[in-house]
N, C-alpha and C. Protein backbone atom coordinates (compact mmCIF):
# COMPACT_ATOMS: atom_id res chain seq x y z
N MET A 1 -15.25 -19.85 -2.72
CA MET A 1 -15.53 -18.47 -3.08
C MET A 1 -16.88 -18.39 -3.81
N ARG A 2 -17.17 -19.42 -4.59
CA ARG A 2 -18.45 -19.43 -5.31
C ARG A 2 -19.62 -19.35 -4.33
N GLN A 3 -19.54 -20.11 -3.26
CA GLN A 3 -20.62 -20.10 -2.27
C GLN A 3 -20.71 -18.75 -1.57
N ALA A 4 -19.58 -18.14 -1.32
CA ALA A 4 -19.58 -16.81 -0.69
C ALA A 4 -20.32 -15.80 -1.57
N PHE A 5 -20.09 -15.84 -2.88
CA PHE A 5 -20.80 -14.93 -3.78
C PHE A 5 -22.29 -15.25 -3.84
N ALA A 6 -22.64 -16.52 -3.80
CA ALA A 6 -24.06 -16.90 -3.76
C ALA A 6 -24.70 -16.33 -2.49
N ASN A 7 -23.99 -16.41 -1.36
CA ASN A 7 -24.51 -15.85 -0.11
C ASN A 7 -24.68 -14.34 -0.19
N ILE A 8 -23.74 -13.66 -0.84
CA ILE A 8 -23.84 -12.20 -0.98
C ILE A 8 -25.07 -11.84 -1.82
N ILE A 9 -25.28 -12.56 -2.91
CA ILE A 9 -26.44 -12.32 -3.77
C ILE A 9 -27.73 -12.51 -2.97
N GLU A 10 -27.79 -13.58 -2.20
CA GLU A 10 -28.96 -13.85 -1.36
C GLU A 10 -29.14 -12.76 -0.31
N ALA A 11 -28.04 -12.33 0.32
CA ALA A 11 -28.12 -11.31 1.36
C ALA A 11 -28.58 -9.96 0.79
N ALA A 12 -28.31 -9.73 -0.50
CA ALA A 12 -28.75 -8.49 -1.14
C ALA A 12 -30.25 -8.52 -1.44
N GLY A 13 -30.88 -9.70 -1.29
CA GLY A 13 -32.31 -9.80 -1.52
C GLY A 13 -32.67 -10.45 -2.85
N GLU A 14 -31.72 -11.04 -3.52
CA GLU A 14 -31.95 -11.68 -4.80
C GLU A 14 -32.00 -13.19 -4.63
N ASP A 15 -32.52 -13.84 -5.64
CA ASP A 15 -32.55 -15.29 -5.70
C ASP A 15 -31.35 -15.74 -6.54
N SER A 16 -30.37 -16.34 -5.91
CA SER A 16 -29.16 -16.75 -6.64
C SER A 16 -29.44 -17.86 -7.64
N GLN A 17 -30.62 -18.46 -7.59
CA GLN A 17 -30.98 -19.50 -8.54
C GLN A 17 -31.82 -18.98 -9.71
N ARG A 18 -32.11 -17.67 -9.70
CA ARG A 18 -32.82 -17.06 -10.82
C ARG A 18 -31.98 -17.25 -12.08
N GLU A 19 -32.64 -17.41 -13.23
CA GLU A 19 -31.95 -17.75 -14.47
C GLU A 19 -30.74 -16.86 -14.75
N GLY A 20 -30.88 -15.57 -14.65
CA GLY A 20 -29.78 -14.65 -14.96
C GLY A 20 -28.66 -14.67 -13.94
N LEU A 21 -28.94 -15.19 -12.74
CA LEU A 21 -27.95 -15.20 -11.67
C LEU A 21 -27.37 -16.58 -11.37
N ARG A 22 -27.92 -17.60 -11.98
CA ARG A 22 -27.53 -18.97 -11.64
C ARG A 22 -26.03 -19.20 -11.75
N ASP A 23 -25.39 -18.68 -12.78
CA ASP A 23 -23.95 -18.89 -12.97
C ASP A 23 -23.10 -17.73 -12.45
N THR A 24 -23.77 -16.71 -11.92
CA THR A 24 -23.04 -15.52 -11.45
C THR A 24 -22.06 -15.82 -10.32
N PRO A 25 -22.41 -16.62 -9.33
CA PRO A 25 -21.42 -16.88 -8.27
C PRO A 25 -20.11 -17.47 -8.81
N GLN A 26 -20.21 -18.39 -9.77
CA GLN A 26 -19.00 -18.97 -10.34
C GLN A 26 -18.22 -17.94 -11.15
N ARG A 27 -18.95 -17.14 -11.96
CA ARG A 27 -18.27 -16.10 -12.76
C ARG A 27 -17.63 -15.06 -11.84
N ALA A 28 -18.33 -14.67 -10.79
CA ALA A 28 -17.79 -13.67 -9.85
C ALA A 28 -16.56 -14.22 -9.13
N ALA A 29 -16.59 -15.48 -8.76
CA ALA A 29 -15.43 -16.10 -8.09
C ALA A 29 -14.23 -16.10 -9.03
N LYS A 30 -14.47 -16.43 -10.28
CA LYS A 30 -13.39 -16.45 -11.27
C LYS A 30 -12.83 -15.04 -11.49
N ALA A 31 -13.72 -14.06 -11.58
CA ALA A 31 -13.28 -12.67 -11.76
C ALA A 31 -12.49 -12.18 -10.54
N PHE A 32 -12.98 -12.49 -9.34
CA PHE A 32 -12.31 -12.06 -8.12
C PHE A 32 -10.93 -12.71 -8.01
N ALA A 33 -10.83 -13.97 -8.40
CA ALA A 33 -9.53 -14.65 -8.39
C ALA A 33 -8.56 -13.94 -9.33
N HIS A 34 -9.04 -13.52 -10.49
CA HIS A 34 -8.19 -12.78 -11.43
C HIS A 34 -7.77 -11.43 -10.85
N LEU A 35 -8.72 -10.73 -10.23
CA LEU A 35 -8.45 -9.40 -9.69
C LEU A 35 -7.50 -9.43 -8.50
N THR A 36 -7.32 -10.60 -7.91
CA THR A 36 -6.43 -10.72 -6.74
C THR A 36 -5.29 -11.71 -7.00
N GLU A 37 -4.97 -11.96 -8.26
CA GLU A 37 -3.93 -12.94 -8.58
C GLU A 37 -2.53 -12.49 -8.15
N GLY A 38 -2.38 -11.25 -7.76
CA GLY A 38 -1.09 -10.77 -7.28
C GLY A 38 -0.61 -11.50 -6.04
N TYR A 39 -1.53 -12.07 -5.28
CA TYR A 39 -1.14 -12.84 -4.09
C TYR A 39 -0.42 -14.13 -4.47
N GLN A 40 -0.64 -14.63 -5.67
CA GLN A 40 0.00 -15.85 -6.12
C GLN A 40 1.30 -15.60 -6.88
N GLN A 41 1.71 -14.34 -6.98
CA GLN A 41 2.91 -13.99 -7.73
C GLN A 41 4.00 -13.51 -6.78
N SER A 42 5.25 -13.71 -7.20
CA SER A 42 6.37 -13.20 -6.42
C SER A 42 7.21 -12.29 -7.30
N LEU A 43 7.97 -11.44 -6.67
CA LEU A 43 8.83 -10.51 -7.39
C LEU A 43 9.83 -11.26 -8.26
N ASN A 44 10.42 -12.33 -7.74
CA ASN A 44 11.38 -13.13 -8.52
C ASN A 44 10.73 -13.73 -9.76
N ASP A 45 9.53 -14.24 -9.61
CA ASP A 45 8.84 -14.82 -10.76
C ASP A 45 8.52 -13.76 -11.81
N ILE A 46 8.12 -12.59 -11.36
CA ILE A 46 7.76 -11.50 -12.27
C ILE A 46 9.00 -11.02 -13.04
N VAL A 47 10.09 -10.79 -12.34
CA VAL A 47 11.30 -10.26 -12.97
C VAL A 47 11.93 -11.33 -13.87
N ASN A 48 11.94 -12.57 -13.42
CA ASN A 48 12.38 -13.70 -14.23
C ASN A 48 13.74 -13.45 -14.90
N GLY A 49 14.66 -12.87 -14.15
CA GLY A 49 16.03 -12.68 -14.65
C GLY A 49 16.21 -11.54 -15.64
N ALA A 50 15.21 -10.72 -15.87
CA ALA A 50 15.30 -9.64 -16.86
C ALA A 50 16.01 -8.41 -16.30
N ILE A 51 17.22 -8.63 -15.78
CA ILE A 51 18.09 -7.57 -15.30
C ILE A 51 19.31 -7.57 -16.21
N PHE A 52 19.63 -6.42 -16.75
CA PHE A 52 20.70 -6.33 -17.74
C PHE A 52 21.78 -5.37 -17.29
N HIS A 53 23.03 -5.74 -17.52
CA HIS A 53 24.15 -4.87 -17.17
C HIS A 53 24.15 -3.65 -18.08
N ALA A 54 24.44 -2.49 -17.48
CA ALA A 54 24.52 -1.26 -18.27
C ALA A 54 25.40 -0.26 -17.55
N ASP A 55 26.08 0.56 -18.33
CA ASP A 55 26.89 1.63 -17.76
C ASP A 55 26.08 2.91 -17.58
N ASN A 56 24.85 2.89 -18.03
CA ASN A 56 23.98 4.06 -17.95
C ASN A 56 23.71 4.43 -16.50
N ASP A 57 23.89 5.70 -16.17
CA ASP A 57 23.52 6.17 -14.83
C ASP A 57 22.58 7.38 -14.94
N ASN A 58 21.87 7.45 -16.07
CA ASN A 58 20.87 8.50 -16.27
C ASN A 58 19.49 7.96 -15.93
N MET A 59 18.63 8.85 -15.51
CA MET A 59 17.29 8.47 -15.09
C MET A 59 16.56 7.68 -16.18
N VAL A 60 15.91 6.59 -15.76
CA VAL A 60 15.06 5.79 -16.62
C VAL A 60 13.63 5.99 -16.14
N ILE A 61 12.73 6.31 -17.07
CA ILE A 61 11.33 6.56 -16.70
C ILE A 61 10.42 5.71 -17.57
N LEU A 62 9.44 5.11 -16.94
CA LEU A 62 8.33 4.48 -17.65
C LEU A 62 7.07 5.12 -17.09
N GLN A 63 6.31 5.76 -17.96
CA GLN A 63 5.13 6.48 -17.47
C GLN A 63 3.85 5.95 -18.09
N ASP A 64 2.76 6.36 -17.49
CA ASP A 64 1.42 6.01 -17.97
C ASP A 64 1.17 4.50 -17.99
N ILE A 65 1.64 3.80 -16.97
CA ILE A 65 1.36 2.37 -16.84
C ILE A 65 -0.04 2.26 -16.22
N GLU A 66 -1.00 1.82 -17.01
CA GLU A 66 -2.35 1.73 -16.47
C GLU A 66 -2.46 0.54 -15.52
N PHE A 67 -3.32 0.69 -14.52
CA PHE A 67 -3.53 -0.40 -13.56
C PHE A 67 -4.96 -0.35 -13.06
N TYR A 68 -5.39 -1.47 -12.51
CA TYR A 68 -6.71 -1.61 -11.89
C TYR A 68 -6.50 -2.35 -10.59
N SER A 69 -7.14 -1.88 -9.53
CA SER A 69 -6.98 -2.52 -8.23
C SER A 69 -8.31 -2.50 -7.49
N LEU A 70 -8.33 -3.15 -6.34
CA LEU A 70 -9.51 -3.15 -5.48
C LEU A 70 -9.16 -2.52 -4.15
N CYS A 71 -9.97 -1.56 -3.75
CA CYS A 71 -9.81 -0.90 -2.46
C CYS A 71 -10.09 -1.90 -1.34
N GLU A 72 -9.18 -1.99 -0.41
CA GLU A 72 -9.35 -2.97 0.67
C GLU A 72 -10.45 -2.58 1.65
N HIS A 73 -10.91 -1.33 1.61
CA HIS A 73 -11.94 -0.89 2.55
C HIS A 73 -13.36 -1.22 2.08
N HIS A 74 -13.60 -1.15 0.76
CA HIS A 74 -14.96 -1.37 0.25
C HIS A 74 -15.02 -2.43 -0.85
N LEU A 75 -13.86 -2.97 -1.24
CA LEU A 75 -13.78 -3.93 -2.35
C LEU A 75 -14.32 -3.34 -3.65
N LEU A 76 -14.18 -2.04 -3.79
CA LEU A 76 -14.55 -1.37 -5.03
C LEU A 76 -13.28 -1.03 -5.80
N PRO A 77 -13.39 -0.95 -7.12
CA PRO A 77 -12.20 -0.69 -7.94
C PRO A 77 -11.64 0.71 -7.75
N PHE A 78 -10.34 0.81 -7.91
CA PHE A 78 -9.71 2.09 -8.21
C PHE A 78 -8.73 1.82 -9.34
N PHE A 79 -8.53 2.82 -10.16
CA PHE A 79 -7.75 2.62 -11.38
C PHE A 79 -7.07 3.92 -11.77
N GLY A 80 -6.00 3.78 -12.52
CA GLY A 80 -5.30 4.98 -12.94
C GLY A 80 -4.01 4.66 -13.66
N LYS A 81 -3.04 5.56 -13.44
CA LYS A 81 -1.74 5.45 -14.10
C LYS A 81 -0.64 5.52 -13.06
N CYS A 82 0.42 4.78 -13.35
CA CYS A 82 1.60 4.77 -12.50
C CYS A 82 2.79 5.23 -13.34
N HIS A 83 3.62 6.08 -12.75
CA HIS A 83 4.84 6.56 -13.38
C HIS A 83 6.01 6.15 -12.49
N ILE A 84 7.03 5.54 -13.10
CA ILE A 84 8.18 5.04 -12.35
C ILE A 84 9.46 5.62 -12.94
N ALA A 85 10.36 6.02 -12.05
CA ALA A 85 11.70 6.43 -12.47
C ALA A 85 12.71 5.82 -11.51
N TYR A 86 13.89 5.50 -12.06
CA TYR A 86 15.00 5.08 -11.21
C TYR A 86 16.30 5.47 -11.89
N VAL A 87 17.34 5.60 -11.08
CA VAL A 87 18.67 5.89 -11.58
C VAL A 87 19.47 4.60 -11.48
N PRO A 88 19.84 4.01 -12.62
CA PRO A 88 20.55 2.72 -12.61
C PRO A 88 21.94 2.83 -11.97
N THR A 89 22.32 1.76 -11.33
CA THR A 89 23.68 1.63 -10.78
C THR A 89 24.27 0.33 -11.30
N GLY A 90 24.36 0.24 -12.62
CA GLY A 90 24.92 -0.94 -13.26
C GLY A 90 23.91 -1.96 -13.71
N LYS A 91 22.65 -1.80 -13.31
CA LYS A 91 21.62 -2.77 -13.69
C LYS A 91 20.42 -2.04 -14.29
N LEU A 92 19.92 -2.59 -15.39
CA LEU A 92 18.68 -2.09 -16.00
C LEU A 92 17.63 -3.19 -15.91
N LEU A 93 16.41 -2.78 -15.63
CA LEU A 93 15.29 -3.71 -15.53
C LEU A 93 14.51 -3.66 -16.84
N GLY A 94 14.16 -4.83 -17.38
CA GLY A 94 13.34 -4.87 -18.59
C GLY A 94 12.07 -4.05 -18.42
N LEU A 95 11.72 -3.27 -19.44
CA LEU A 95 10.58 -2.36 -19.33
C LEU A 95 9.28 -3.06 -18.96
N SER A 96 9.02 -4.18 -19.62
CA SER A 96 7.75 -4.87 -19.34
C SER A 96 7.69 -5.34 -17.89
N LYS A 97 8.85 -5.54 -17.29
CA LYS A 97 8.88 -6.02 -15.90
C LYS A 97 8.40 -4.95 -14.94
N MET A 98 8.66 -3.67 -15.27
CA MET A 98 8.14 -2.59 -14.42
C MET A 98 6.61 -2.63 -14.43
N ALA A 99 6.02 -2.79 -15.62
CA ALA A 99 4.56 -2.86 -15.73
C ALA A 99 4.03 -4.09 -14.99
N ARG A 100 4.75 -5.20 -15.08
CA ARG A 100 4.31 -6.42 -14.39
C ARG A 100 4.39 -6.27 -12.86
N ILE A 101 5.38 -5.52 -12.40
CA ILE A 101 5.49 -5.26 -10.95
C ILE A 101 4.30 -4.44 -10.49
N VAL A 102 3.94 -3.42 -11.28
CA VAL A 102 2.76 -2.61 -10.95
C VAL A 102 1.53 -3.52 -10.85
N ASP A 103 1.33 -4.37 -11.85
CA ASP A 103 0.16 -5.26 -11.86
C ASP A 103 0.16 -6.23 -10.68
N MET A 104 1.33 -6.78 -10.34
CA MET A 104 1.40 -7.74 -9.24
C MET A 104 0.88 -7.12 -7.94
N PHE A 105 1.33 -5.89 -7.65
CA PHE A 105 0.88 -5.26 -6.41
C PHE A 105 -0.53 -4.70 -6.53
N ALA A 106 -0.93 -4.26 -7.73
CA ALA A 106 -2.28 -3.74 -7.92
C ALA A 106 -3.32 -4.85 -7.80
N LYS A 107 -2.95 -6.07 -8.15
CA LYS A 107 -3.90 -7.18 -8.10
C LYS A 107 -3.89 -7.84 -6.72
N ARG A 108 -3.96 -6.99 -5.72
CA ARG A 108 -4.13 -7.38 -4.33
C ARG A 108 -5.09 -6.38 -3.72
N LEU A 109 -5.70 -6.71 -2.61
CA LEU A 109 -6.54 -5.72 -1.93
C LEU A 109 -5.62 -4.62 -1.45
N GLN A 110 -5.91 -3.38 -1.80
CA GLN A 110 -4.93 -2.32 -1.64
C GLN A 110 -5.52 -1.02 -1.11
N ILE A 111 -4.61 -0.17 -0.68
CA ILE A 111 -4.84 1.26 -0.59
C ILE A 111 -3.76 1.89 -1.46
N GLN A 112 -4.07 3.00 -2.06
CA GLN A 112 -3.16 3.59 -3.03
C GLN A 112 -1.81 3.96 -2.42
N GLU A 113 -1.82 4.44 -1.20
CA GLU A 113 -0.58 4.84 -0.55
C GLU A 113 0.39 3.66 -0.42
N ARG A 114 -0.12 2.51 0.00
CA ARG A 114 0.73 1.32 0.15
C ARG A 114 1.18 0.81 -1.21
N LEU A 115 0.27 0.82 -2.19
CA LEU A 115 0.61 0.38 -3.54
C LEU A 115 1.80 1.17 -4.08
N THR A 116 1.79 2.46 -3.89
CA THR A 116 2.88 3.33 -4.36
C THR A 116 4.20 2.94 -3.70
N SER A 117 4.18 2.76 -2.40
CA SER A 117 5.40 2.39 -1.67
C SER A 117 5.90 1.00 -2.03
N GLU A 118 4.99 0.04 -2.20
CA GLU A 118 5.40 -1.31 -2.55
C GLU A 118 6.10 -1.35 -3.91
N ILE A 119 5.58 -0.59 -4.86
CA ILE A 119 6.20 -0.55 -6.18
C ILE A 119 7.60 0.05 -6.09
N ALA A 120 7.73 1.16 -5.38
CA ALA A 120 9.05 1.81 -5.25
C ALA A 120 10.05 0.87 -4.59
N THR A 121 9.65 0.22 -3.52
CA THR A 121 10.54 -0.70 -2.82
C THR A 121 10.95 -1.87 -3.71
N ALA A 122 10.01 -2.40 -4.48
CA ALA A 122 10.31 -3.53 -5.36
C ALA A 122 11.29 -3.12 -6.47
N ILE A 123 11.10 -1.95 -7.05
CA ILE A 123 12.00 -1.47 -8.10
C ILE A 123 13.41 -1.30 -7.52
N ALA A 124 13.50 -0.74 -6.33
CA ALA A 124 14.80 -0.58 -5.67
C ALA A 124 15.44 -1.93 -5.41
N GLU A 125 14.66 -2.89 -4.96
CA GLU A 125 15.18 -4.22 -4.64
C GLU A 125 15.75 -4.92 -5.87
N VAL A 126 15.01 -4.90 -6.96
CA VAL A 126 15.46 -5.68 -8.13
C VAL A 126 16.54 -4.98 -8.94
N THR A 127 16.59 -3.65 -8.90
CA THR A 127 17.61 -2.92 -9.67
C THR A 127 18.85 -2.62 -8.85
N GLY A 128 18.72 -2.67 -7.53
CA GLY A 128 19.82 -2.28 -6.66
C GLY A 128 19.98 -0.77 -6.58
N SER A 129 19.08 -0.04 -7.18
CA SER A 129 19.14 1.42 -7.14
C SER A 129 18.53 1.94 -5.85
N LEU A 130 19.20 2.88 -5.24
CA LEU A 130 18.65 3.54 -4.05
C LEU A 130 17.77 4.71 -4.44
N ASP A 131 17.78 5.05 -5.74
CA ASP A 131 17.12 6.27 -6.23
C ASP A 131 15.93 5.89 -7.10
N VAL A 132 14.74 5.91 -6.50
CA VAL A 132 13.51 5.49 -7.18
C VAL A 132 12.42 6.50 -6.88
N ALA A 133 11.62 6.80 -7.92
CA ALA A 133 10.46 7.67 -7.75
C ALA A 133 9.25 6.98 -8.36
N VAL A 134 8.13 7.03 -7.65
CA VAL A 134 6.87 6.49 -8.16
C VAL A 134 5.78 7.51 -7.89
N LEU A 135 4.99 7.78 -8.91
CA LEU A 135 3.80 8.63 -8.79
C LEU A 135 2.63 7.84 -9.32
N ILE A 136 1.56 7.78 -8.53
CA ILE A 136 0.32 7.13 -8.97
C ILE A 136 -0.79 8.16 -8.94
N GLU A 137 -1.57 8.17 -10.02
CA GLU A 137 -2.76 9.01 -10.14
C GLU A 137 -3.94 8.07 -10.34
N ALA A 138 -4.95 8.15 -9.47
CA ALA A 138 -6.04 7.17 -9.58
C ALA A 138 -7.38 7.76 -9.21
N SER A 139 -8.41 7.18 -9.82
CA SER A 139 -9.81 7.47 -9.49
C SER A 139 -10.34 6.28 -8.68
N HIS A 140 -11.13 6.59 -7.67
CA HIS A 140 -11.60 5.57 -6.73
C HIS A 140 -13.12 5.48 -6.77
N PHE A 141 -13.63 4.28 -7.08
CA PHE A 141 -15.07 4.09 -7.13
C PHE A 141 -15.71 4.29 -5.76
N CYS A 142 -14.97 4.08 -4.67
CA CYS A 142 -15.55 4.30 -3.34
C CYS A 142 -15.90 5.77 -3.14
N MET A 143 -15.25 6.66 -3.90
CA MET A 143 -15.61 8.09 -3.86
C MET A 143 -16.59 8.46 -4.96
N MET A 144 -16.61 7.69 -6.03
CA MET A 144 -17.43 8.02 -7.18
C MET A 144 -18.85 7.46 -7.08
N MET A 145 -18.98 6.23 -6.58
CA MET A 145 -20.27 5.53 -6.59
C MET A 145 -21.04 5.63 -5.27
N ARG A 146 -20.36 5.95 -4.20
CA ARG A 146 -20.98 5.98 -2.88
C ARG A 146 -20.42 7.16 -2.11
N GLY A 147 -20.83 7.33 -0.90
CA GLY A 147 -20.25 8.39 -0.07
C GLY A 147 -20.39 9.76 -0.69
N VAL A 148 -19.28 10.45 -0.91
CA VAL A 148 -19.32 11.84 -1.38
C VAL A 148 -19.68 11.97 -2.86
N ARG A 149 -19.56 10.91 -3.63
CA ARG A 149 -19.93 10.87 -5.06
C ARG A 149 -19.27 11.99 -5.86
N LYS A 150 -17.97 12.04 -5.79
CA LYS A 150 -17.19 13.01 -6.56
C LYS A 150 -16.59 12.30 -7.76
N GLN A 151 -17.10 12.61 -8.96
CA GLN A 151 -16.73 11.89 -10.17
C GLN A 151 -15.35 12.24 -10.71
N HIS A 152 -14.85 13.42 -10.41
CA HIS A 152 -13.61 13.87 -11.04
C HIS A 152 -12.45 14.02 -10.07
N ALA A 153 -12.63 13.56 -8.85
CA ALA A 153 -11.54 13.62 -7.87
C ALA A 153 -10.45 12.64 -8.28
N LEU A 154 -9.23 13.10 -8.26
CA LEU A 154 -8.08 12.28 -8.66
C LEU A 154 -7.09 12.28 -7.50
N MET A 155 -6.78 11.10 -6.99
CA MET A 155 -5.83 10.99 -5.89
C MET A 155 -4.44 10.77 -6.47
N LYS A 156 -3.46 11.51 -5.95
CA LYS A 156 -2.08 11.35 -6.37
C LYS A 156 -1.25 11.01 -5.15
N THR A 157 -0.41 9.98 -5.30
CA THR A 157 0.49 9.58 -4.23
C THR A 157 1.88 9.40 -4.81
N THR A 158 2.87 9.65 -3.97
CA THR A 158 4.26 9.49 -4.41
C THR A 158 5.03 8.66 -3.39
N ALA A 159 6.07 8.03 -3.90
CA ALA A 159 7.07 7.38 -3.06
C ALA A 159 8.41 7.80 -3.65
N MET A 160 9.20 8.50 -2.87
CA MET A 160 10.50 9.00 -3.32
C MET A 160 11.59 8.37 -2.46
N LEU A 161 12.54 7.72 -3.12
CA LEU A 161 13.65 7.10 -2.42
C LEU A 161 14.96 7.73 -2.90
N GLY A 162 15.92 7.80 -1.99
CA GLY A 162 17.26 8.27 -2.34
C GLY A 162 17.28 9.71 -2.84
N VAL A 163 17.94 9.89 -3.99
CA VAL A 163 18.14 11.23 -4.53
C VAL A 163 16.81 11.92 -4.85
N PHE A 164 15.77 11.16 -5.17
CA PHE A 164 14.47 11.77 -5.45
C PHE A 164 13.85 12.37 -4.19
N LYS A 165 14.24 11.84 -3.05
CA LYS A 165 13.75 12.36 -1.78
C LYS A 165 14.59 13.55 -1.31
N THR A 166 15.89 13.51 -1.60
CA THR A 166 16.79 14.52 -1.05
C THR A 166 17.09 15.68 -2.01
N SER A 167 16.88 15.47 -3.29
CA SER A 167 17.24 16.49 -4.27
C SER A 167 16.01 17.09 -4.94
N THR A 168 15.77 18.34 -4.66
CA THR A 168 14.65 19.05 -5.28
C THR A 168 14.77 19.06 -6.80
N SER A 169 15.98 19.21 -7.30
CA SER A 169 16.17 19.27 -8.75
C SER A 169 15.86 17.93 -9.42
N MET A 170 16.21 16.80 -8.81
CA MET A 170 15.89 15.49 -9.38
C MET A 170 14.38 15.23 -9.35
N ARG A 171 13.77 15.60 -8.24
CA ARG A 171 12.32 15.44 -8.12
C ARG A 171 11.62 16.28 -9.19
N LYS A 172 12.09 17.52 -9.34
CA LYS A 172 11.51 18.43 -10.33
C LYS A 172 11.71 17.90 -11.75
N GLU A 173 12.89 17.35 -12.04
CA GLU A 173 13.14 16.79 -13.36
C GLU A 173 12.18 15.63 -13.63
N PHE A 174 11.97 14.75 -12.65
CA PHE A 174 11.03 13.64 -12.80
C PHE A 174 9.63 14.18 -13.13
N PHE A 175 9.14 15.11 -12.33
CA PHE A 175 7.79 15.64 -12.55
C PHE A 175 7.70 16.36 -13.90
N ASN A 176 8.73 17.09 -14.29
CA ASN A 176 8.70 17.78 -15.58
C ASN A 176 8.70 16.79 -16.74
N LEU A 177 9.41 15.70 -16.61
CA LEU A 177 9.47 14.71 -17.69
C LEU A 177 8.16 13.94 -17.86
N ILE A 178 7.46 13.69 -16.77
CA ILE A 178 6.19 12.94 -16.91
C ILE A 178 5.02 13.87 -17.20
N ASN A 179 5.18 15.16 -16.96
CA ASN A 179 4.13 16.15 -17.25
C ASN A 179 4.71 17.31 -18.05
N PRO A 180 5.08 17.06 -19.32
CA PRO A 180 5.73 18.15 -20.09
C PRO A 180 4.83 19.35 -20.33
């Protein structure tokens, strides 16, 4: 990966051996490995047994989970907040595990629509709940730095499973709770 970054620097018209750039290929490779470490993680490793028995069947929400990802089309960052809700069916997931699930999928080359769906599916898989809602709000550098250059455009995507898909009142309750 280090050589690939050196080649990119050279292709851009720079001297990769210039003093300020000499160590950049190695630093960039290390940074890129961190930004894509989600490929080396699995759902089982992330959850690590943090599933707890509970009689609660009321909606559980974790909101404003910040994330950073790379757009698979331009390799530019997009970042924002993720809101997750699920209705437990005897199992509760540790709160930090929801944030770790978001990070695992965000730290892959992504599009926001797929990221939203992957998170919802993973939450359903580990909790056994058929009722999951995910809303992601994100800003995309591919729209901010190039192309249309819209600085304040905010993309919102949802993934609704089970009762959140079929019940207007449950969907409305979720949206009202995350946006009081």
